[in-house]
Amino acid sequence: MTNANTNTGNLNPFFHPAAHYASPEDVLNDDELSVPEKRIILSSWASDMFAVESCPALREIPGMGHTIRLADILAALRGLDGDDDPPRPGGVPMRLRRPWAAAQRRSG
């Protein structure tokens, strides 16, 4: 049996981010991480793998003592892109086809 070092102070924050960061803002504010490294950490937290079963808008990250809102993680990811505004809602509205309208066009 080997003696594993479980001291979280020796862990690389890139491989064990939950041991080093308590929130998406903490990740964004770490000047030692590059933008791609921040994106990897935040994207992994946003993964459905960490979704709370009864509340999919929350993420439960192993090693972190609290849940994180998915909206906060996504806002941090947008912040990395320099886009602090939420995405605009929807695209072009679609009109549902009415079966009787097509029949009227053919007969008229």
Protein backbone atom coordinates (compact mmCIF):
# COMPACT_ATOMS: atom_id res chain seq x y z
CA MET A 1 0.00 0.00 0.00
CA THR A 2 1.35 3.44 -0.89
CA ASN A 3 1.01 6.61 1.10
CA ALA A 4 -0.81 9.04 -1.16
CA ASN A 5 -0.42 12.73 -0.49
CA THR A 6 -3.94 14.06 -0.03
CA ASN A 7 -2.88 17.59 0.84
CA THR A 8 -4.92 19.72 -1.59
CA GLY A 9 -2.32 22.48 -1.41
CA ASN A 10 -0.06 20.38 -3.65
CA LEU A 11 -2.70 19.72 -6.30
CA ASN A 12 -2.64 21.54 -9.60
CA PRO A 13 -5.74 23.78 -9.82
CA PHE A 14 -6.14 22.81 -13.47
CA PHE A 15 -6.68 19.13 -12.60
CA HIS A 16 -8.51 19.63 -9.30
CA PRO A 17 -10.31 22.97 -9.61
CA ALA A 18 -12.90 22.28 -6.92
CA ALA A 19 -10.10 22.13 -4.36
CA HIS A 20 -8.99 25.66 -5.30
CA TYR A 21 -12.05 27.63 -6.43
CA ALA A 22 -15.35 28.24 -4.71
CA SER A 23 -17.13 30.01 -7.57
CA PRO A 24 -16.92 30.84 -11.27
CA GLU A 25 -15.74 34.33 -10.30
CA ASP A 26 -12.78 32.81 -8.45
CA VAL A 27 -11.77 31.04 -11.66
CA LEU A 28 -12.11 34.25 -13.69
CA ASN A 29 -10.08 36.23 -11.15
CA ASP A 30 -7.13 33.80 -11.06
CA ASP A 31 -4.34 35.59 -12.94
CA GLU A 32 -2.21 32.44 -13.05
CA LEU A 33 -4.66 30.66 -15.38
CA SER A 34 -4.79 31.31 -19.11
CA VAL A 35 -8.13 31.98 -20.82
CA PRO A 36 -8.21 28.44 -22.32
CA GLU A 37 -7.54 26.93 -18.89
CA LYS A 38 -10.35 28.99 -17.36
CA ARG A 39 -12.64 27.88 -20.18
CA ILE A 40 -11.80 24.21 -19.56
CA ILE A 41 -12.56 24.46 -15.84
CA LEU A 42 -15.82 26.38 -16.32
CA SER A 43 -16.96 24.14 -19.18
CA SER A 44 -16.36 21.04 -17.10
CA TRP A 45 -18.46 22.55 -14.31
CA ALA A 46 -21.27 23.31 -16.77
CA SER A 47 -21.36 19.69 -17.89
CA ASP A 48 -24.61 17.78 -17.40
CA MET A 49 -22.52 15.20 -15.57
CA PHE A 50 -22.61 17.53 -12.52
CA ALA A 51 -26.29 18.51 -12.82
CA VAL A 52 -28.37 18.11 -9.68
CA GLU A 53 -30.96 15.48 -10.56
CA SER A 54 -33.94 17.28 -9.08
CA CYS A 55 -32.78 20.75 -10.18
CA PRO A 56 -30.89 20.78 -13.50
CA ALA A 57 -30.17 24.53 -13.19
CA LEU A 58 -27.69 23.69 -10.41
CA ARG A 59 -24.35 21.94 -10.58
CA GLU A 60 -22.89 19.87 -7.74
CA ILE A 61 -19.13 19.69 -8.21
CA PRO A 62 -17.32 16.90 -6.33
CA GLY A 63 -15.04 18.38 -3.69
CA MET A 64 -17.02 21.60 -3.44
CA GLY A 65 -19.21 22.01 -0.39
CA HIS A 66 -22.03 23.85 -2.18
CA THR A 67 -23.95 23.88 -5.45
CA ILE A 68 -23.31 26.39 -8.22
CA ARG A 69 -25.93 27.91 -10.49
CA LEU A 70 -25.50 26.96 -14.15
CA ALA A 71 -26.43 30.55 -15.06
CA ASP A 72 -23.40 31.81 -13.11
CA ILE A 73 -21.08 29.38 -14.89
CA LEU A 74 -22.46 30.35 -18.31
CA ALA A 75 -22.16 34.06 -17.45
CA ALA A 76 -18.50 33.50 -16.55
CA LEU A 77 -17.92 31.71 -19.87
CA ARG A 78 -19.54 34.63 -21.72
CA GLY A 79 -17.28 36.95 -19.74
CA LEU A 80 -14.25 35.14 -21.14
CA ASP A 81 -15.54 35.99 -24.61
CA GLY A 82 -15.99 39.63 -23.64
CA ASP A 83 -19.76 39.25 -23.92
CA ASP A 84 -21.31 40.07 -20.56
CA ASP A 85 -24.83 40.42 -21.99
CA PRO A 86 -27.06 37.35 -22.07
CA PRO A 87 -27.85 36.00 -25.52
CA ARG A 88 -30.82 37.54 -27.29
CA PRO A 89 -33.93 35.39 -27.08
CA GLY A 90 -34.95 33.19 -29.96
CA GLY A 91 -34.60 33.50 -33.66
CA VAL A 92 -37.17 34.12 -36.34
CA PRO A 93 -40.59 32.99 -35.17
CA MET A 94 -41.97 30.06 -37.10
CA ARG A 95 -45.55 29.95 -38.28
CA LEU A 96 -47.11 26.57 -37.83
CA ARG A 97 -48.58 25.17 -40.97
CA ARG A 98 -52.28 24.64 -40.96
CA PRO A 99 -53.32 21.60 -43.03
CA TRP A 100 -56.56 23.25 -44.15
CA ALA A 101 -54.70 26.35 -45.45
CA ALA A 102 -52.71 24.24 -47.93
CA ALA A 103 -55.91 22.64 -49.20
CA GLN A 104 -57.52 26.07 -49.71
CA ARG A 105 -54.53 27.29 -51.74
CA ARG A 106 -54.73 24.30 -54.06
CA SER A 107 -58.44 24.62 -54.66
CA GLY A 108 -58.41 28.39 -55.22
